[in-house]
Amino acid sequence: MDPFWEKVFFLVLDKGLLALAGGGIAFAAALALEKYRRQQAVALELGKLRAQAYARIVGATGVVQAKLELRQKFARIQASPSARTTLEEELRTALVKLYEVAANDAGMLDEDAVLVSNEYITALFDFDEMSGRGAEPPGEAKDLAAQRARLKELRQKLVKYVPPLPRVG
């Protein structure tokens, strides 16, 4: 083979191998980038689902706590029996919903958040039992006040786990 054509052959072969190697590197980089983007998309969707689970649990516990406080006020002002009955029915419905929400969404929460939410829900049920007895005897008023303070503290702990809302603008 003529030395000129030999150099042309090796030049073409060299450039072809270089192009092939560059294409392989670009392909590997594209695969890695696609895998990273897919993982980020899954993490983003999981984050959205977790935020919704936190919001549902905090919302359901807030409804129950508000109805429990309203029941206490109804007892103090001696509201009508029909209003009390309606409130008790709404409270029972809210407690059932809270139980369902906690059971369905607990798997989306962090382990620490599950412990705090379970403690808060247990405290709500304890407060329900304690406050549902009717008129407060003098000794029980302190217990209810302590229980309210505990509920407030547990709610603040639980709300700390809720992701911040995105800012618009």
N, C-alpha and C. Protein backbone atom coordinates (compact mmCIF):
# COMPACT_ATOMS: atom_id res chain seq x y z
N MET A 1 0.85 -1.17 0.00
CA MET A 1 0.00 0.00 0.00
C MET A 1 0.90 1.24 0.00
N ASP A 2 0.45 2.21 -0.74
CA ASP A 2 1.19 3.46 -0.87
C ASP A 2 1.21 4.17 0.49
N PRO A 3 2.33 4.81 0.90
CA PRO A 3 2.37 5.48 2.20
C PRO A 3 1.31 6.58 2.33
N PHE A 4 0.96 7.23 1.27
CA PHE A 4 -0.09 8.26 1.33
C PHE A 4 -1.43 7.65 1.72
N TRP A 5 -1.82 6.58 1.04
CA TRP A 5 -3.10 5.94 1.33
C TRP A 5 -3.09 5.26 2.71
N GLU A 6 -1.93 4.82 3.09
CA GLU A 6 -1.81 4.23 4.42
C GLU A 6 -2.09 5.29 5.49
N LYS A 7 -1.53 6.50 5.31
CA LYS A 7 -1.79 7.60 6.25
C LYS A 7 -3.26 8.02 6.22
N VAL A 8 -3.85 8.05 5.03
CA VAL A 8 -5.28 8.39 4.92
C VAL A 8 -6.11 7.34 5.64
N PHE A 9 -5.77 6.08 5.45
CA PHE A 9 -6.51 4.98 6.09
C PHE A 9 -6.43 5.11 7.61
N PHE A 10 -5.23 5.31 8.14
CA PHE A 10 -5.07 5.43 9.59
C PHE A 10 -5.73 6.71 10.13
N LEU A 11 -5.70 7.76 9.33
CA LEU A 11 -6.36 9.00 9.73
C LEU A 11 -7.88 8.80 9.84
N VAL A 12 -8.46 8.15 8.83
CA VAL A 12 -9.91 7.87 8.85
C VAL A 12 -10.25 6.91 9.98
N LEU A 13 -9.43 5.88 10.16
CA LEU A 13 -9.66 4.92 11.24
C LEU A 13 -9.55 5.60 12.60
N ASP A 14 -8.54 6.45 12.77
CA ASP A 14 -8.35 7.17 14.02
C ASP A 14 -9.55 8.08 14.32
N LYS A 15 -9.98 8.84 13.33
CA LYS A 15 -11.12 9.74 13.52
C LYS A 15 -12.42 8.95 13.76
N GLY A 16 -12.58 7.83 13.09
CA GLY A 16 -13.76 6.99 13.28
C GLY A 16 -13.82 6.42 14.69
N LEU A 17 -12.68 5.92 15.18
CA LEU A 17 -12.64 5.39 16.55
C LEU A 17 -12.88 6.50 17.58
N LEU A 18 -12.32 7.68 17.30
CA LEU A 18 -12.53 8.82 18.18
C LEU A 18 -14.01 9.23 18.20
N ALA A 19 -14.65 9.24 17.05
CA ALA A 19 -16.08 9.56 16.97
C ALA A 19 -16.91 8.50 17.68
N LEU A 20 -16.54 7.23 17.51
CA LEU A 20 -17.25 6.14 18.17
C LEU A 20 -17.12 6.25 19.69
N ALA A 21 -15.93 6.56 20.17
CA ALA A 21 -15.72 6.71 21.61
C ALA A 21 -16.51 7.91 22.14
N GLY A 22 -16.50 9.01 21.40
CA GLY A 22 -17.27 10.19 21.81
C GLY A 22 -18.76 9.90 21.84
N GLY A 23 -19.24 9.17 20.84
CA GLY A 23 -20.65 8.79 20.82
C GLY A 23 -21.01 7.89 22.00
N GLY A 24 -20.13 6.97 22.35
CA GLY A 24 -20.37 6.08 23.50
C GLY A 24 -20.42 6.86 24.80
N ILE A 25 -19.51 7.82 24.94
CA ILE A 25 -19.50 8.65 26.15
C ILE A 25 -20.77 9.51 26.22
N ALA A 26 -21.16 10.07 25.10
CA ALA A 26 -22.39 10.88 25.07
C ALA A 26 -23.61 10.03 25.40
N PHE A 27 -23.65 8.79 24.87
CA PHE A 27 -24.77 7.89 25.16
C PHE A 27 -24.82 7.54 26.64
N ALA A 28 -23.65 7.24 27.23
CA ALA A 28 -23.60 6.90 28.66
C ALA A 28 -24.02 8.11 29.50
N ALA A 29 -23.59 9.30 29.10
CA ALA A 29 -23.98 10.50 29.84
C ALA A 29 -25.47 10.75 29.73
N ALA A 30 -26.05 10.52 28.56
CA ALA A 30 -27.49 10.71 28.37
C ALA A 30 -28.28 9.72 29.23
N LEU A 31 -27.81 8.47 29.31
CA LEU A 31 -28.47 7.47 30.16
C LEU A 31 -28.41 7.88 31.63
N ALA A 32 -27.24 8.33 32.06
CA ALA A 32 -27.09 8.75 33.46
C ALA A 32 -27.98 9.95 33.77
N LEU A 33 -28.05 10.90 32.85
CA LEU A 33 -28.90 12.09 33.04
C LEU A 33 -30.37 11.70 33.08
N GLU A 34 -30.80 10.79 32.24
CA GLU A 34 -32.19 10.33 32.23
C GLU A 34 -32.54 9.62 33.53
N LYS A 35 -31.62 8.80 34.02
CA LYS A 35 -31.84 8.11 35.29
C LYS A 35 -31.97 9.13 36.44
N TYR A 36 -31.10 10.13 36.44
CA TYR A 36 -31.15 11.17 37.47
C TYR A 36 -32.47 11.93 37.41
N ARG A 37 -32.89 12.30 36.21
CA ARG A 37 -34.16 13.03 36.06
C ARG A 37 -35.35 12.19 36.52
N ARG A 38 -35.32 10.91 36.21
CA ARG A 38 -36.40 10.01 36.63
C ARG A 38 -36.46 9.93 38.16
N GLN A 39 -35.28 9.80 38.80
CA GLN A 39 -35.24 9.75 40.26
C GLN A 39 -35.74 11.05 40.87
N GLN A 40 -35.38 12.17 40.26
CA GLN A 40 -35.85 13.46 40.77
C GLN A 40 -37.35 13.60 40.63
N ALA A 41 -37.90 13.11 39.53
CA ALA A 41 -39.35 13.18 39.32
C ALA A 41 -40.08 12.33 40.36
N VAL A 42 -39.55 11.15 40.65
CA VAL A 42 -40.16 10.27 41.66
C VAL A 42 -40.07 10.94 43.03
N ALA A 43 -38.91 11.51 43.35
CA ALA A 43 -38.74 12.18 44.64
C ALA A 43 -39.70 13.37 44.77
N LEU A 44 -39.89 14.10 43.69
CA LEU A 44 -40.80 15.25 43.70
C LEU A 44 -42.24 14.80 43.94
N GLU A 45 -42.67 13.76 43.23
CA GLU A 45 -44.03 13.26 43.41
C GLU A 45 -44.23 12.69 44.81
N LEU A 46 -43.22 11.99 45.31
CA LEU A 46 -43.31 11.45 46.66
C LEU A 46 -43.40 12.59 47.68
N GLY A 47 -42.64 13.64 47.45
CA GLY A 47 -42.69 14.81 48.33
C GLY A 47 -44.07 15.44 48.33
N LYS A 48 -44.70 15.52 47.15
CA LYS A 48 -46.05 16.08 47.07
C LYS A 48 -47.04 15.21 47.85
N LEU A 49 -46.93 13.90 47.69
CA LEU A 49 -47.84 12.99 48.40
C LEU A 49 -47.63 13.08 49.91
N ARG A 50 -46.38 13.19 50.32
CA ARG A 50 -46.09 13.30 51.76
C ARG A 50 -46.66 14.61 52.31
N ALA A 51 -46.50 15.69 51.58
CA ALA A 51 -47.04 16.98 52.04
C ALA A 51 -48.56 16.91 52.17
N GLN A 52 -49.21 16.25 51.22
CA GLN A 52 -50.66 16.09 51.29
C GLN A 52 -51.06 15.24 52.49
N ALA A 53 -50.28 14.19 52.78
CA ALA A 53 -50.58 13.33 53.93
C ALA A 53 -50.46 14.13 55.23
N TYR A 54 -49.38 14.91 55.35
CA TYR A 54 -49.22 15.76 56.53
C TYR A 54 -50.40 16.72 56.66
N ALA A 55 -50.76 17.34 55.57
CA ALA A 55 -51.86 18.31 55.61
C ALA A 55 -53.17 17.65 56.01
N ARG A 56 -53.44 16.45 55.49
CA ARG A 56 -54.69 15.75 55.86
C ARG A 56 -54.71 15.41 57.35
N ILE A 57 -53.59 14.94 57.88
CA ILE A 57 -53.54 14.57 59.30
C ILE A 57 -53.68 15.81 60.18
N VAL A 58 -52.95 16.86 59.84
CA VAL A 58 -53.05 18.09 60.64
C VAL A 58 -54.46 18.66 60.54
N GLY A 59 -55.05 18.62 59.36
CA GLY A 59 -56.42 19.13 59.20
C GLY A 59 -57.43 18.33 59.99
N ALA A 60 -57.33 17.00 59.93
CA ALA A 60 -58.29 16.15 60.66
C ALA A 60 -58.14 16.32 62.16
N THR A 61 -56.91 16.43 62.64
CA THR A 61 -56.72 16.63 64.08
C THR A 61 -57.22 18.00 64.51
N GLY A 62 -57.05 18.99 63.65
CA GLY A 62 -57.55 20.32 63.97
C GLY A 62 -59.06 20.36 64.08
N VAL A 63 -59.74 19.65 63.19
CA VAL A 63 -61.20 19.60 63.24
C VAL A 63 -61.67 18.96 64.54
N VAL A 64 -61.03 17.84 64.91
CA VAL A 64 -61.42 17.15 66.14
C VAL A 64 -61.18 18.05 67.35
N GLN A 65 -60.00 18.68 67.39
CA GLN A 65 -59.70 19.53 68.53
C GLN A 65 -60.66 20.70 68.62
N ALA A 66 -61.02 21.29 67.50
CA ALA A 66 -61.97 22.41 67.50
C ALA A 66 -63.34 21.96 68.02
N LYS A 67 -63.78 20.79 67.59
CA LYS A 67 -65.08 20.29 68.05
C LYS A 67 -65.05 19.94 69.54
N LEU A 68 -63.92 19.44 70.01
CA LEU A 68 -63.80 19.16 71.45
C LEU A 68 -63.86 20.45 72.26
N GLU A 69 -63.19 21.48 71.77
CA GLU A 69 -63.23 22.77 72.47
C GLU A 69 -64.64 23.36 72.43
N LEU A 70 -65.32 23.18 71.31
CA LEU A 70 -66.68 23.68 71.19
C LEU A 70 -67.61 22.95 72.15
N ARG A 71 -67.37 21.64 72.32
CA ARG A 71 -68.19 20.89 73.27
C ARG A 71 -67.99 21.43 74.68
N GLN A 72 -66.75 21.81 75.03
CA GLN A 72 -66.50 22.40 76.34
C GLN A 72 -67.26 23.71 76.50
N LYS A 73 -67.26 24.52 75.45
CA LYS A 73 -67.98 25.80 75.51
C LYS A 73 -69.48 25.57 75.62
N PHE A 74 -69.99 24.58 74.90
CA PHE A 74 -71.41 24.26 74.98
C PHE A 74 -71.79 23.85 76.40
N ALA A 75 -70.91 23.12 77.06
CA ALA A 75 -71.19 22.70 78.44
C ALA A 75 -71.21 23.91 79.37
N ARG A 76 -70.31 24.86 79.14
CA ARG A 76 -70.26 26.05 80.01
C ARG A 76 -71.46 26.96 79.81
N ILE A 77 -71.91 27.11 78.57
CA ILE A 77 -73.03 28.01 78.33
C ILE A 77 -74.37 27.29 78.38
N GLN A 78 -74.32 26.00 78.62
CA GLN A 78 -75.52 25.16 78.70
C GLN A 78 -76.36 25.31 77.43
N ALA A 79 -75.75 24.91 76.33
CA ALA A 79 -76.42 24.98 75.02
C ALA A 79 -77.59 24.00 75.00
N SER A 80 -78.43 24.18 74.01
CA SER A 80 -79.63 23.34 73.90
C SER A 80 -79.23 21.88 73.65
N PRO A 81 -80.07 20.94 74.09
CA PRO A 81 -79.76 19.53 73.88
C PRO A 81 -79.63 19.15 72.40
N SER A 82 -80.42 19.78 71.55
CA SER A 82 -80.32 19.45 70.11
C SER A 82 -78.97 19.90 69.55
N ALA A 83 -78.49 21.07 70.00
CA ALA A 83 -77.18 21.55 69.54
C ALA A 83 -76.07 20.63 70.05
N ARG A 84 -76.19 20.19 71.28
CA ARG A 84 -75.19 19.27 71.84
C ARG A 84 -75.21 17.94 71.10
N THR A 85 -76.40 17.44 70.81
CA THR A 85 -76.51 16.16 70.10
C THR A 85 -75.89 16.26 68.70
N THR A 86 -76.18 17.35 68.02
CA THR A 86 -75.61 17.56 66.68
C THR A 86 -74.09 17.63 66.77
N LEU A 87 -73.58 18.36 67.75
CA LEU A 87 -72.14 18.47 67.92
C LEU A 87 -71.51 17.12 68.23
N GLU A 88 -72.16 16.34 69.08
CA GLU A 88 -71.63 15.01 69.42
C GLU A 88 -71.58 14.11 68.18
N GLU A 89 -72.61 14.19 67.34
CA GLU A 89 -72.61 13.40 66.10
C GLU A 89 -71.47 13.85 65.19
N GLU A 90 -71.30 15.17 65.06
CA GLU A 90 -70.22 15.70 64.23
C GLU A 90 -68.86 15.30 64.79
N LEU A 91 -68.75 15.32 66.12
CA LEU A 91 -67.50 14.93 66.77
C LEU A 91 -67.19 13.46 66.51
N ARG A 92 -68.18 12.61 66.63
CA ARG A 92 -67.97 11.17 66.37
C ARG A 92 -67.54 10.95 64.92
N THR A 93 -68.19 11.66 64.00
CA THR A 93 -67.83 11.56 62.58
C THR A 93 -66.40 12.03 62.36
N ALA A 94 -66.02 13.14 63.01
CA ALA A 94 -64.67 13.68 62.86
C ALA A 94 -63.63 12.73 63.45
N LEU A 95 -63.97 12.08 64.57
CA LEU A 95 -63.05 11.11 65.18
C LEU A 95 -62.85 9.90 64.27
N VAL A 96 -63.92 9.42 63.66
CA VAL A 96 -63.81 8.29 62.72
C VAL A 96 -62.96 8.70 61.51
N LYS A 97 -63.20 9.90 61.01
CA LYS A 97 -62.42 10.37 59.86
C LYS A 97 -60.95 10.52 60.23
N LEU A 98 -60.68 11.03 61.43
CA LEU A 98 -59.30 11.16 61.90
C LEU A 98 -58.63 9.79 61.96
N TYR A 99 -59.33 8.82 62.47
CA TYR A 99 -58.78 7.47 62.55
C TYR A 99 -58.48 6.93 61.14
N GLU A 100 -59.40 7.14 60.21
CA GLU A 100 -59.19 6.67 58.83
C GLU A 100 -58.02 7.39 58.17
N VAL A 101 -57.95 8.71 58.35
CA VAL A 101 -56.86 9.48 57.75
C VAL A 101 -55.52 9.02 58.32
N ALA A 102 -55.46 8.86 59.63
CA ALA A 102 -54.21 8.43 60.26
C ALA A 102 -53.81 7.03 59.78
N ALA A 103 -54.78 6.15 59.65
CA ALA A 103 -54.47 4.79 59.20
C ALA A 103 -54.00 4.78 57.75
N ASN A 104 -54.61 5.60 56.91
CA ASN A 104 -54.26 5.62 55.48
C ASN A 104 -52.96 6.36 55.20
N ASP A 105 -52.68 7.43 55.94
CA ASP A 105 -51.56 8.30 55.61
C ASP A 105 -50.32 8.09 56.46
N ALA A 106 -50.39 7.23 57.46
CA ALA A 106 -49.23 7.04 58.35
C ALA A 106 -48.02 6.52 57.58
N GLY A 107 -48.23 5.75 56.54
CA GLY A 107 -47.12 5.20 55.78
C GLY A 107 -46.34 6.24 55.00
N MET A 108 -46.93 7.41 54.79
CA MET A 108 -46.26 8.47 54.03
C MET A 108 -45.41 9.38 54.93
N LEU A 109 -45.54 9.23 56.26
CA LEU A 109 -44.87 10.13 57.18
C LEU A 109 -43.53 9.55 57.64
N ASP A 110 -42.66 10.44 58.13
CA ASP A 110 -41.42 10.01 58.75
C ASP A 110 -41.75 9.26 60.04
N GLU A 111 -40.81 8.46 60.49
CA GLU A 111 -41.03 7.70 61.72
C GLU A 111 -41.30 8.62 62.91
N ASP A 112 -40.53 9.70 63.02
CA ASP A 112 -40.73 10.64 64.12
C ASP A 112 -42.10 11.31 64.03
N ALA A 113 -42.51 11.66 62.81
CA ALA A 113 -43.82 12.30 62.63
C ALA A 113 -44.94 11.34 62.98
N VAL A 114 -44.77 10.07 62.67
CA VAL A 114 -45.79 9.07 63.03
C VAL A 114 -45.93 8.99 64.54
N LEU A 115 -44.80 9.00 65.23
CA LEU A 115 -44.84 8.94 66.70
C LEU A 115 -45.54 10.16 67.28
N VAL A 116 -45.21 11.34 66.76
CA VAL A 116 -45.83 12.57 67.25
C VAL A 116 -47.33 12.57 66.93
N SER A 117 -47.69 12.18 65.70
CA SER A 117 -49.11 12.18 65.34
C SER A 117 -49.89 11.16 66.17
N ASN A 118 -49.31 9.99 66.41
CA ASN A 118 -49.99 8.99 67.24
C ASN A 118 -50.17 9.49 68.67
N GLU A 119 -49.14 10.16 69.19
CA GLU A 119 -49.24 10.71 70.54
C GLU A 119 -50.32 11.80 70.60
N TYR A 120 -50.36 12.62 69.56
CA TYR A 120 -51.36 13.70 69.50
C TYR A 120 -52.77 13.12 69.38
N ILE A 121 -52.94 12.13 68.54
CA ILE A 121 -54.26 11.51 68.37
C ILE A 121 -54.70 10.83 69.66
N THR A 122 -53.78 10.15 70.32
CA THR A 122 -54.10 9.52 71.61
C THR A 122 -54.51 10.58 72.63
N ALA A 123 -53.80 11.69 72.64
CA ALA A 123 -54.15 12.78 73.57
C ALA A 123 -55.53 13.35 73.24
N LEU A 124 -55.86 13.43 71.94
CA LEU A 124 -57.19 13.91 71.55
C LEU A 124 -58.27 12.96 72.07
N PHE A 125 -58.05 11.65 71.92
CA PHE A 125 -59.03 10.68 72.42
C PHE A 125 -59.14 10.74 73.94
N ASP A 126 -57.99 10.94 74.63
CA ASP A 126 -58.03 11.08 76.08
C ASP A 126 -58.82 12.33 76.49
N PHE A 127 -58.58 13.42 75.75
CA PHE A 127 -59.30 14.66 76.04
C PHE A 127 -60.79 14.47 75.76
N ASP A 128 -61.12 13.72 74.73
CA ASP A 128 -62.52 13.43 74.42
C ASP A 128 -63.18 12.70 75.58
N GLU A 129 -62.50 11.68 76.09
CA GLU A 129 -63.06 10.94 77.23
C GLU A 129 -63.19 11.84 78.45
N MET A 130 -62.15 12.61 78.71
CA MET A 130 -62.14 13.45 79.91
C MET A 130 -63.18 14.57 79.81
N SER A 131 -63.31 15.17 78.64
CA SER A 131 -64.22 16.30 78.52
C SER A 131 -65.66 15.87 78.25
N GLY A 132 -65.88 14.63 77.91
CA GLY A 132 -67.22 14.16 77.59
C GLY A 132 -68.04 13.76 78.79
N ARG A 133 -67.48 13.92 79.96
CA ARG A 133 -68.18 13.49 81.17
C ARG A 133 -69.24 14.46 81.64
N GLY A 134 -69.33 15.59 81.00
CA GLY A 134 -70.35 16.57 81.40
C GLY A 134 -69.71 17.74 82.11
N ALA A 135 -70.37 18.18 83.16
CA ALA A 135 -69.87 19.35 83.91
C ALA A 135 -68.54 19.01 84.56
N GLU A 136 -67.65 20.00 84.59
CA GLU A 136 -66.32 19.79 85.14
C GLU A 136 -66.35 19.91 86.66
N PRO A 137 -65.97 18.83 87.37
CA PRO A 137 -65.77 18.98 88.81
C PRO A 137 -64.54 19.88 89.04
N PRO A 138 -64.45 20.53 90.19
CA PRO A 138 -63.34 21.47 90.42
C PRO A 138 -61.96 20.85 90.20
N GLY A 139 -61.73 19.62 90.61
CA GLY A 139 -60.42 18.99 90.45
C GLY A 139 -60.12 18.65 89.00
N GLU A 140 -61.15 18.43 88.23
CA GLU A 140 -60.95 18.03 86.84
C GLU A 140 -60.64 19.22 85.94
N ALA A 141 -60.96 20.41 86.37
CA ALA A 141 -60.68 21.60 85.56
C ALA A 141 -59.18 21.74 85.35
N LYS A 142 -58.38 21.45 86.39
CA LYS A 142 -56.93 21.51 86.25
C LYS A 142 -56.44 20.45 85.27
N ASP A 143 -57.02 19.26 85.37
CA ASP A 143 -56.63 18.18 84.45
C ASP A 143 -56.94 18.55 83.00
N LEU A 144 -58.11 19.15 82.77
CA LEU A 144 -58.47 19.57 81.41
C LEU A 144 -57.55 20.67 80.91
N ALA A 145 -57.19 21.59 81.79
CA ALA A 145 -56.27 22.67 81.39
C ALA A 145 -54.90 22.09 81.04
N ALA A 146 -54.44 21.15 81.84
CA ALA A 146 -53.15 20.50 81.54
C ALA A 146 -53.23 19.73 80.23
N GLN A 147 -54.36 19.08 80.01
CA GLN A 147 -54.54 18.32 78.77
C GLN A 147 -54.59 19.26 77.56
N ARG A 148 -55.24 20.41 77.71
CA ARG A 148 -55.27 21.40 76.62
C ARG A 148 -53.85 21.88 76.29
N ALA A 149 -53.07 22.15 77.33
CA ALA A 149 -51.69 22.59 77.12
C ALA A 149 -50.88 21.51 76.41
N ARG A 150 -51.10 20.26 76.78
CA ARG A 150 -50.40 19.14 76.13
C ARG A 150 -50.82 19.03 74.67
N LEU A 151 -52.12 19.19 74.40
CA LEU A 151 -52.60 19.15 73.01
C LEU A 151 -51.97 20.26 72.19
N LYS A 152 -51.88 21.45 72.77
CA LYS A 152 -51.29 22.58 72.05
C LYS A 152 -49.82 22.28 71.72
N GLU A 153 -49.11 21.75 72.69
CA GLU A 153 -47.69 21.42 72.48
C GLU A 153 -47.52 20.34 71.41
N LEU A 154 -48.34 19.30 71.48
CA LEU A 154 -48.25 18.22 70.49
C LEU A 154 -48.64 18.70 69.10
N ARG A 155 -49.63 19.57 69.03
CA ARG A 155 -50.02 20.11 67.72
C ARG A 155 -48.88 20.93 67.12
N GLN A 156 -48.22 21.73 67.94
CA GLN A 156 -47.09 22.51 67.44
C GLN A 156 -45.97 21.60 66.95
N LYS A 157 -45.73 20.51 67.66
CA LYS A 157 -44.72 19.54 67.21
C LYS A 157 -45.11 18.94 65.86
N LEU A 158 -46.38 18.59 65.72
CA LEU A 158 -46.85 17.96 64.49
C LEU A 158 -46.79 18.95 63.32
N VAL A 159 -47.16 20.18 63.56
CA VAL A 159 -47.17 21.18 62.48
C VAL A 159 -45.75 21.45 61.98
N LYS A 160 -44.74 21.27 62.83
CA LYS A 160 -43.36 21.48 62.40
C LYS A 160 -42.96 20.52 61.27
N TYR A 161 -43.63 19.39 61.19
CA TYR A 161 -43.33 18.42 60.14
C TYR A 161 -43.97 18.76 58.80
N VAL A 162 -44.94 19.66 58.81
CA VAL A 162 -45.61 20.01 57.57
C VAL A 162 -44.65 20.86 56.73
N PRO A 163 -44.43 20.47 55.47
CA PRO A 163 -43.53 21.27 54.62
C PRO A 163 -44.08 22.67 54.41
N PRO A 164 -43.20 23.65 54.24
CA PRO A 164 -43.68 25.02 54.04
C PRO A 164 -44.39 25.15 52.70
N LEU A 165 -45.32 26.06 52.66
CA LEU A 165 -46.05 26.31 51.41
C LEU A 165 -45.15 27.10 50.46
N PRO A 166 -45.24 26.81 49.17
CA PRO A 166 -44.42 27.58 48.22
C PRO A 166 -44.90 29.02 48.15
N ARG A 167 -43.96 29.91 47.94
CA ARG A 167 -44.29 31.33 47.84
C ARG A 167 -44.54 31.69 46.38
N VAL A 168 -45.56 32.49 46.20
CA VAL A 168 -45.92 32.93 44.86
C VAL A 168 -45.47 34.37 44.71
N GLY A 169 -44.79 34.65 43.59
CA GLY A 169 -44.44 36.04 43.29
C GLY A 169 -43.16 36.45 43.80
